[in-house]
PDB file of N, CA and C in Angstrom:
ATOM      1  N   MET A   1      -2.218 -11.331  -3.624  1.00  0.00           N
ATOM      2  CA  MET A   1      -3.259 -11.197  -2.895  1.00  0.00           C
ATOM      3  C   MET A   1      -3.483  -9.697  -2.045  1.00  0.00           C
ATOM      4  N   GLN A   2      -2.076  -9.480  -1.884  1.00  0.00           N
ATOM      5  CA  GLN A   2      -2.413  -7.809  -1.110  1.00  0.00           C
ATOM      6  C   GLN A   2      -3.001  -6.853  -2.100  1.00  0.00           C
ATOM      7  N   GLU A   3      -2.635  -7.123  -3.369  1.00  0.00           N
ATOM      8  CA  GLU A   3      -3.350  -5.714  -4.172  1.00  0.00           C
ATOM      9  C   GLU A   3      -4.566  -6.001  -4.720  1.00  0.00           C
ATOM     10  N   PHE A   4      -5.283  -7.447  -4.375  1.00  0.00           N
ATOM     11  CA  PHE A   4      -6.561  -7.594  -4.818  1.00  0.00           C
ATOM     12  C   PHE A   4      -7.437  -6.771  -3.452  1.00  0.00           C
ATOM     13  N   LEU A   5      -6.809  -6.953  -2.202  1.00  0.00           N
ATOM     14  CA  LEU A   5      -7.551  -6.750  -0.905  1.00  0.00           C
ATOM     15  C   LEU A   5      -7.559  -5.137  -1.132  1.00  0.00           C
ATOM     16  N   MET A   6      -5.756  -4.490  -1.382  1.00  0.00           N
ATOM     17  CA  MET A   6      -6.137  -2.998  -1.257  1.00  0.00           C
ATOM     18  C   MET A   6      -7.199  -2.367  -2.564  1.00  0.00           C
ATOM     19  N   GLY A   7      -7.221  -3.101  -3.539  1.00  0.00           N
ATOM     20  CA  GLY A   7      -8.325  -2.720  -4.527  1.00  0.00           C
ATOM     21  C   GLY A   7     -10.031  -2.831  -4.252  1.00  0.00           C
ATOM     22  N   ALA A   8     -10.119  -4.217  -3.291  1.00  0.00           N
ATOM     23  CA  ALA A   8     -11.365  -4.217  -2.755  1.00  0.00           C
ATOM     24  C   ALA A   8     -11.749  -3.469  -1.919  1.00  0.00           C
ATOM     25  N   THR A   9     -10.727  -2.516  -1.108  1.00  0.00           N
ATOM     26  CA  THR A   9     -10.794  -1.862  -0.045  1.00  0.00           C
ATOM     27  C   THR A   9     -11.262  -0.289  -0.838  1.00  0.00           C
ATOM     28  N   ALA A  10     -10.368   0.136  -1.735  1.00  0.00           N
ATOM     29  CA  ALA A  10     -10.660   1.161  -2.509  1.00  0.00           C
ATOM     30  C   ALA A  10     -12.213   1.195  -3.487  1.00  0.00           C
ATOM     31  N   MET A  11     -12.720  -0.021  -3.116  1.00  0.00           N
ATOM     32  CA  MET A  11     -13.795   0.056  -4.134  1.00  0.00           C
ATOM     33  C   MET A  11     -14.848   0.222  -3.042  1.00  0.00           C
ATOM     34  N   GLY A  12     -14.448  -0.312  -1.656  1.00  0.00           N
ATOM     35  CA  GLY A  12     -15.610  -0.069  -0.745  1.00  0.00           C
ATOM     36  C   GLY A  12     -15.527   1.533  -0.309  1.00  0.00           C
ATOM     37  N   CYS A  13     -14.421   1.774  -0.381  1.00  0.00           N
ATOM     38  CA  CYS A  13     -14.528   3.594   0.006  1.00  0.00           C
ATOM     39  C   CYS A  13     -15.027   4.237  -1.213  1.00  0.00           C
ATOM     40  N   TRP A  14     -14.780   3.821  -2.446  1.00  0.00           N
ATOM     41  CA  TRP A  14     -15.797   4.879  -3.390  1.00  0.00           C
ATOM     42  C   TRP A  14     -17.618   4.509  -3.444  1.00  0.00           C
ATOM     43  N   VAL A  15     -17.642   3.103  -2.986  1.00  0.00           N
ATOM     44  CA  VAL A  15     -18.823   3.512  -2.843  1.00  0.00           C
ATOM     45  C   VAL A  15     -19.238   3.821  -1.721  1.00  0.00           C
ATOM     46  N   ALA A  16     -18.768   4.248  -0.743  1.00  0.00           N
ATOM     47  CA  ALA A  16     -19.371   4.841   0.631  1.00  0.00           C
ATOM     48  C   ALA A  16     -19.534   6.044   0.228  1.00  0.00           C
ATOM     49  N   MET A  17     -18.317   6.634  -0.677  1.00  0.00           N
ATOM     50  CA  MET A  17     -18.453   7.872  -1.082  1.00  0.00           C
ATOM     51  C   MET A  17     -19.698   8.043  -2.076  1.00  0.00           C
ATOM     52  N   LEU A  18     -19.867   7.318  -2.953  1.00  0.00           N
ATOM     53  CA  LEU A  18     -21.276   7.420  -3.886  1.00  0.00           C
ATOM     54  C   LEU A  18     -22.434   7.668  -2.900  1.00  0.00           C
ATOM     55  N   PHE A  19     -22.884   6.786  -2.028  1.00  0.00           N
ATOM     56  CA  PHE A  19     -23.725   7.189  -0.813  1.00  0.00           C
ATOM     57  C   PHE A  19     -23.538   8.559  -0.557  1.00  0.00           C
ATOM     58  N   PHE A  20     -22.635   8.930  -0.071  1.00  0.00           N
ATOM     59  CA  PHE A  20     -22.830  10.410   0.883  1.00  0.00           C
ATOM     60  C   PHE A  20     -22.843  11.481  -0.101  1.00  0.00           C
ATOM     61  N   LEU A  21     -22.696  10.988  -1.158  1.00  0.00           N
ATOM     62  CA  LEU A  21     -22.809  12.062  -2.551  1.00  0.00           C
ATOM     63  C   LEU A  21     -23.820  12.169  -3.016  1.00  0.00           C
ATOM     64  N   ARG A  22     -24.633  11.234  -2.741  1.00  0.00           N
ATOM     65  CA  ARG A  22     -26.479  11.056  -2.879  1.00  0.00           C
ATOM     66  C   ARG A  22     -26.920  11.738  -1.909  1.00  0.00           C
ATOM     67  N   PHE A  23     -26.650  11.210  -0.501  1.00  0.00           N
ATOM     68  CA  PHE A  23     -27.313  12.355   0.512  1.00  0.00           C
ATOM     69  C   PHE A  23     -27.235  13.563   0.242  1.00  0.00           C
ATOM     70  N   TRP A  24     -25.625  13.831   0.028  1.00  0.00           N
ATOM     71  CA  TRP A  24     -25.409  15.300  -0.112  1.00  0.00           C
ATOM     72  C   TRP A  24     -26.102  16.037  -1.479  1.00  0.00           C
ATOM     73  N   ARG A  25     -26.369  15.612  -2.370  1.00  0.00           N
ATOM     74  CA  ARG A  25     -27.493  16.034  -3.303  1.00  0.00           C
ATOM     75  C   ARG A  25     -28.567  16.141  -2.996  1.00  0.00           C
ATOM     76  N   GLU A  26     -29.438  15.312  -2.150  1.00  0.00           N
ATOM     77  CA  GLU A  26     -30.403  15.359  -1.747  1.00  0.00           C
ATOM     78  C   GLU A  26     -30.765  16.482  -0.654  1.00  0.00           C
ATOM     79  N   THR A  27     -30.021  16.288   0.327  1.00  0.00           N
ATOM     80  CA  THR A  27     -30.230  17.075   1.501  1.00  0.00           C
ATOM     81  C   THR A  27     -29.559  18.764   1.664  1.00  0.00           C
ATOM     82  N   GLY A  28     -28.269  18.632   0.618  1.00  0.00           N
ATOM     83  CA  GLY A  28     -27.651  19.835   0.549  1.00  0.00           C
ATOM     84  C   GLY A  28     -26.700  20.532   1.682  1.00  0.00           C
ATOM     85  N   ASP A  29     -26.686  18.929   2.684  1.00  0.00           N
ATOM     86  CA  ASP A  29     -25.684  19.192   3.936  1.00  0.00           C
ATOM     87  C   ASP A  29     -24.225  19.014   3.678  1.00  0.00           C
ATOM     88  N   ARG A  30     -23.655  19.912   4.276  1.00  0.00           N
ATOM     89  CA  ARG A  30     -22.352  19.896   4.016  1.00  0.00           C
ATOM     90  C   ARG A  30     -21.295  18.793   4.555  1.00  0.00           C
ATOM     91  N   LEU A  31     -21.962  18.152   5.908  1.00  0.00           N
ATOM     92  CA  LEU A  31     -21.346  17.236   6.454  1.00  0.00           C
ATOM     93  C   LEU A  31     -21.458  15.621   5.102  1.00  0.00           C
ATOM     94  N   PHE A  32     -22.315  15.786   4.549  1.00  0.00           N
ATOM     95  CA  PHE A  32     -22.152  14.628   3.288  1.00  0.00           C
ATOM     96  C   PHE A  32     -21.343  14.616   2.382  1.00  0.00           C
ATOM     97  N   GLY A  33     -21.043  16.272   2.363  1.00  0.00           N
ATOM     98  CA  GLY A  33     -20.068  16.550   1.061  1.00  0.00           C
ATOM     99  C   GLY A  33     -18.933  16.200   1.653  1.00  0.00           C
ATOM    100  N   MET A  34     -18.377  16.326   2.802  1.00  0.00           N
ATOM    101  CA  MET A  34     -17.364  16.388   3.278  1.00  0.00           C
ATOM    102  C   MET A  34     -16.913  15.028   3.684  1.00  0.00           C
ATOM    103  N   PHE A  35     -17.992  14.158   4.084  1.00  0.00           N
ATOM    104  CA  PHE A  35     -17.662  12.869   4.389  1.00  0.00           C
ATOM    105  C   PHE A  35     -17.088  11.940   2.831  1.00  0.00           C
ATOM    106  N   SER A  36     -18.082  12.488   1.838  1.00  0.00           N
ATOM    107  CA  SER A  36     -17.986  12.286   0.399  1.00  0.00           C
ATOM    108  C   SER A  36     -16.546  12.515  -0.049  1.00  0.00           C
ATOM    109  N   ALA A  37     -15.943  13.302  -0.078  1.00  0.00           N
ATOM    110  CA  ALA A  37     -14.386  13.897  -0.234  1.00  0.00           C
ATOM    111  C   ALA A  37     -13.626  13.296   0.339  1.00  0.00           C
ATOM    112  N   ALA A  38     -13.931  12.737   1.559  1.00  0.00           N
ATOM    113  CA  ALA A  38     -13.010  12.362   2.452  1.00  0.00           C
ATOM    114  C   ALA A  38     -12.858  10.857   2.040  1.00  0.00           C
ATOM    115  N   PHE A  39     -13.942  10.103   1.409  1.00  0.00           N
ATOM    116  CA  PHE A  39     -13.686   8.897   1.396  1.00  0.00           C
ATOM    117  C   PHE A  39     -13.306   8.571  -0.126  1.00  0.00           C
ATOM    118  N   LEU A  40     -13.297   9.935  -1.143  1.00  0.00           N
ATOM    119  CA  LEU A  40     -12.757   9.505  -2.185  1.00  0.00           C
ATOM    120  C   LEU A  40     -10.833   9.789  -2.166  1.00  0.00           C
ATOM    121  N   LEU A  41     -10.865  10.533  -1.051  1.00  0.00           N
ATOM    122  CA  LEU A  41      -9.366  10.584  -0.734  1.00  0.00           C
ATOM    123  C   LEU A  41      -9.114   9.400  -0.195  1.00  0.00           C
ATOM    124  N   LEU A  42      -9.527   8.689   0.453  1.00  0.00           N
ATOM    125  CA  LEU A  42      -9.347   7.405   1.285  1.00  0.00           C
ATOM    126  C   LEU A  42      -9.249   6.513  -0.133  1.00  0.00           C
ATOM    127  N   GLY A  43     -10.078   6.186  -0.687  1.00  0.00           N
ATOM    128  CA  GLY A  43     -10.433   5.205  -1.538  1.00  0.00           C
ATOM    129  C   GLY A  43      -8.807   5.563  -2.924  1.00  0.00           C
ATOM    130  N   MET A  44      -8.579   6.677  -3.235  1.00  0.00           N
ATOM    131  CA  MET A  44      -7.498   7.280  -3.574  1.00  0.00           C
ATOM    132  C   MET A  44      -5.827   6.503  -3.028  1.00  0.00           C
ATOM    133  N   THR A  45      -6.157   6.683  -1.820  1.00  0.00           N
ATOM    134  CA  THR A  45      -4.821   6.278  -1.247  1.00  0.00           C
ATOM    135  C   THR A  45      -4.635   4.681  -1.352  1.00  0.00           C
ATOM    136  N   ARG A  46      -5.761   3.725  -1.181  1.00  0.00           N
ATOM    137  CA  ARG A  46      -5.398   2.543  -1.126  1.00  0.00           C
ATOM    138  C   ARG A  46      -5.491   2.249  -2.726  1.00  0.00           C
ATOM    139  N   PHE A  47      -5.737   3.072  -3.587  1.00  0.00           N
ATOM    140  CA  PHE A  47      -5.691   2.570  -5.295  1.00  0.00           C
ATOM    141  C   PHE A  47      -4.124   2.712  -5.134  1.00  0.00           C
ATOM    142  N   GLY A  48      -3.860   4.072  -4.770  1.00  0.00           N
ATOM    143  CA  GLY A  48      -2.393   4.159  -4.817  1.00  0.00           C
ATOM    144  C   GLY A  48      -1.303   3.299  -4.159  1.00  0.00           C
ATOM    145  N   LEU A  49      -1.646   2.497  -3.008  1.00  0.00           N
ATOM    146  CA  LEU A  49      -0.682   1.687  -2.438  1.00  0.00           C
ATOM    147  C   LEU A  49      -0.919   0.428  -3.214  1.00  0.00           C
ATOM    148  N   ALA A  50      -2.204   0.211  -3.485  1.00  0.00           N
ATOM    149  CA  ALA A  50      -2.114  -1.398  -4.423  1.00  0.00           C
ATOM    150  C   ALA A  50      -1.255  -1.159  -5.622  1.00  0.00           C
ATOM    151  N   LEU A  51      -1.092   0.091  -6.329  1.00  0.00           N
ATOM    152  CA  LEU A  51      -0.619   0.099  -7.303  1.00  0.00           C
ATOM    153  C   LEU A  51       1.522   0.246  -6.979  1.00  0.00           C
ATOM    154  N   ALA A  52       1.463   0.947  -6.085  1.00  0.00           N
ATOM    155  CA  ALA A  52       2.903   0.606  -5.544  1.00  0.00           C
ATOM    156  C   ALA A  52       3.546  -0.604  -5.420  1.00  0.00           C
ATOM    157  N   HIS A  53       4.813  -0.778  -6.049  1.00  0.00           N
ATOM    158  CA  HIS A  53       5.468  -1.814  -6.123  1.00  0.00           C
ATOM    159  C   HIS A  53       5.946  -2.400  -4.845  1.00  0.00           C
ATOM    160  N   GLU A  54       6.723  -1.586  -4.157  1.00  0.00           N
ATOM    161  CA  GLU A  54       6.993  -1.586  -2.758  1.00  0.00           C
ATOM    162  C   GLU A  54       7.256  -0.345  -2.209  1.00  0.00           C
ATOM    163  N   PRO A  55       5.822  -0.142  -1.373  1.00  0.00           N
ATOM    164  CA  PRO A  55       5.716   0.887  -0.512  1.00  0.00           C
ATOM    165  C   PRO A  55       6.934   0.969   0.597  1.00  0.00           C
ATOM    166  N   SER A  56       7.970   2.207   0.677  1.00  0.00           N
ATOM    167  CA  SER A  56       8.947   1.975   1.893  1.00  0.00           C
ATOM    168  C   SER A  56       8.098   3.404   2.911  1.00  0.00           C
ATOM    169  N   GLU A  57       9.192   3.079   3.830  1.00  0.00           N
ATOM    170  CA  GLU A  57       8.975   4.173   5.036  1.00  0.00           C
ATOM    171  C   GLU A  57       9.090   5.272   4.455  1.00  0.00           C
ATOM    172  N   GLY A  58      10.140   5.517   3.509  1.00  0.00           N
ATOM    173  CA  GLY A  58      10.315   6.861   2.933  1.00  0.00           C
ATOM    174  C   GLY A  58       9.048   7.553   2.119  1.00  0.00           C
ATOM    175  N   GLU A  59       8.217   6.868   2.035  1.00  0.00           N
ATOM    176  CA  GLU A  59       7.323   7.406   0.480  1.00  0.00           C
ATOM    177  C   GLU A  59       5.888   7.591   1.678  1.00  0.00           C
ATOM    178  N   THR A  60       6.158   9.040   2.133  1.00  0.00           N
ATOM    179  CA  THR A  60       4.778   9.373   3.117  1.00  0.00           C
ATOM    180  C   THR A  60       3.506  10.032   2.062  1.00  0.00           C
ATOM    181  N   TYR A  61       4.075  10.177   1.146  1.00  0.00           N
ATOM    182  CA  TYR A  61       2.842  11.256   0.551  1.00  0.00           C
ATOM    183  C   TYR A  61       1.221  10.633   0.432  1.00  0.00           C
ATOM    184  N   LEU A  62       1.298   9.179   0.464  1.00  0.00           N
ATOM    185  CA  LEU A  62       0.311   8.756   0.224  1.00  0.00           C
ATOM    186  C   LEU A  62      -0.494   8.646   1.671  1.00  0.00           C
ATOM    187  N   TYR A  63       0.235   8.825   3.204  1.00  0.00           N
ATOM    188  CA  TYR A  63      -0.205   8.810   4.385  1.00  0.00           C
ATOM    189  C   TYR A  63      -0.536  10.149   4.771  1.00  0.00           C
ATOM    190  N   TRP A  64       0.155  11.168   3.952  1.00  0.00           N
ATOM    191  CA  TRP A  64      -0.560  12.380   4.303  1.00  0.00           C
ATOM    192  C   TRP A  64      -2.186  12.690   3.602  1.00  0.00           C
ATOM    193  N   VAL A  65      -1.853  12.125   2.464  1.00  0.00           N
ATOM    194  CA  VAL A  65      -3.399  12.430   1.941  1.00  0.00           C
ATOM    195  C   VAL A  65      -4.299  11.768   2.930  1.00  0.00           C
ATOM    196  N   ARG A  66      -3.768  10.637   3.312  1.00  0.00           N
ATOM    197  CA  ARG A  66      -5.096   9.680   4.310  1.00  0.00           C
ATOM    198  C   ARG A  66      -5.167  10.504   5.478  1.00  0.00           C
ATOM    199  N   LEU A  67      -4.320  11.124   5.834  1.00  0.00           N
ATOM    200  CA  LEU A  67      -4.167  12.193   7.420  1.00  0.00           C
ATOM    201  C   LEU A  67      -5.533  13.158   7.076  1.00  0.00           C
ATOM    202  N   ALA A  68      -5.089  13.846   5.987  1.00  0.00           N
ATOM    203  CA  ALA A  68      -6.244  14.797   5.276  1.00  0.00           C
ATOM    204  C   ALA A  68      -7.222  14.400   4.952  1.00  0.00           C
ATOM    205  N   ALA A  69      -7.419  13.146   4.827  1.00  0.00           N
ATOM    206  CA  ALA A  69      -8.850  12.268   4.716  1.00  0.00           C
ATOM    207  C   ALA A  69      -9.815  12.412   6.274  1.00  0.00           C
ATOM    208  N   TYR A  70      -8.944  12.061   6.888  1.00  0.00           N
ATOM    209  CA  TYR A  70      -9.462  11.887   8.445  1.00  0.00           C
ATOM    210  C   TYR A  70      -9.739  13.309   9.048  1.00  0.00           C
ATOM    211  N   LEU A  71      -8.687  14.187   8.822  1.00  0.00           N
ATOM    212  CA  LEU A  71      -9.275  15.341   9.207  1.00  0.00           C
ATOM    213  C   LEU A  71     -10.237  16.214   8.962  1.00  0.00           C
ATOM    214  N   LEU A  72     -10.475  16.072   7.474  1.00  0.00           N
ATOM    215  CA  LEU A  72     -11.544  16.514   7.038  1.00  0.00           C
ATOM    216  C   LEU A  72     -13.187  15.707   7.684  1.00  0.00           C
ATOM    217  N   ILE A  73     -12.764  14.519   7.810  1.00  0.00           N
ATOM    218  CA  ILE A  73     -14.118  13.991   8.679  1.00  0.00           C
ATOM    219  C   ILE A  73     -14.314  14.723  10.176  1.00  0.00           C
ATOM    220  N   LEU A  74     -13.074  14.707  10.686  1.00  0.00           N
ATOM    221  CA  LEU A  74     -12.934  15.446  11.729  1.00  0.00           C
ATOM    222  C   LEU A  74     -13.535  16.869  11.894  1.00  0.00           C
ATOM    223  N   VAL A  75     -13.007  17.520  10.806  1.00  0.00           N
ATOM    224  CA  VAL A  75     -13.885  19.042  10.736  1.00  0.00           C
ATOM    225  C   VAL A  75     -15.459  18.877   9.958  1.00  0.00           C
ATOM    226  N   ALA A  76     -15.572  18.089   9.505  1.00  0.00           N
ATOM    227  CA  ALA A  76     -17.243  18.059   9.195  1.00  0.00           C
ATOM    228  C   ALA A  76     -18.163  17.364  10.308  1.00  0.00           C
ATOM    229  N   ILE A  77     -17.686  16.752  11.341  1.00  0.00           N
ATOM    230  CA  ILE A  77     -18.315  16.497  12.453  1.00  0.00           C
ATOM    231  C   ILE A  77     -18.265  17.688  13.675  1.00  0.00           C
ATOM    232  N   VAL A  78     -17.071  18.296  14.024  1.00  0.00           N
ATOM    233  CA  VAL A  78     -16.929  19.843  14.993  1.00  0.00           C
ATOM    234  C   VAL A  78     -17.789  20.567  14.381  1.00  0.00           C
ATOM    235  N   ASN A  79     -17.589  21.084  12.883  1.00  0.00           N
ATOM    236  CA  ASN A  79     -18.985  21.745  11.776  1.00  0.00           C
ATOM    237  C   ASN A  79     -20.003  21.618  12.717  1.00  0.00           C
ATOM    238  N   LYS A  80     -20.837  20.399  12.260  1.00  0.00           N
ATOM    239  CA  LYS A  80     -21.904  19.797  12.003  1.00  0.00           C
ATOM    240  C   LYS A  80     -22.607  20.116  13.816  1.00  0.00           C
ATOM    241  N   ASN A  81     -21.663  19.589  14.534  1.00  0.00           N
ATOM    242  CA  ASN A  81     -22.066  19.702  16.128  1.00  0.00           C
ATOM    243  C   ASN A  81     -22.019  21.478  16.483  1.00  0.00           C
ATOM    244  N   ARG A  82     -20.995  22.259  15.986  1.00  0.00           N
ATOM    245  CA  ARG A  82     -21.146  23.432  16.212  1.00  0.00           C
ATOM    246  C   ARG A  82     -22.327  24.317  16.179  1.00  0.00           C
ATOM    247  N   ASN A  83     -23.108  24.336  15.040  1.00  0.00           N
ATOM    248  CA  ASN A  83     -23.958  24.618  14.689  1.00  0.00           C
ATOM    249  C   ASN A  83     -25.309  24.581  15.768  1.00  0.00           C
TER     250      ASN A  83
END
């Protein structure tokens, strides 16, 4: 059941990525492009966790990718408000 929920969460992240990608193509605003990239990374981490047999505390590479996605969102917001 846990794998199914991780897959559903990954799908939700990728749907959000597609929405932001569409808004980025229509407006050309970097905020939407960066949000799209962040949701792509978040979906990839969820998918990776679903495929991992037994994720352990020592395997932190997926969590580093998740941190990069959250930092990308933060940079996008700061960049949008700075201008």
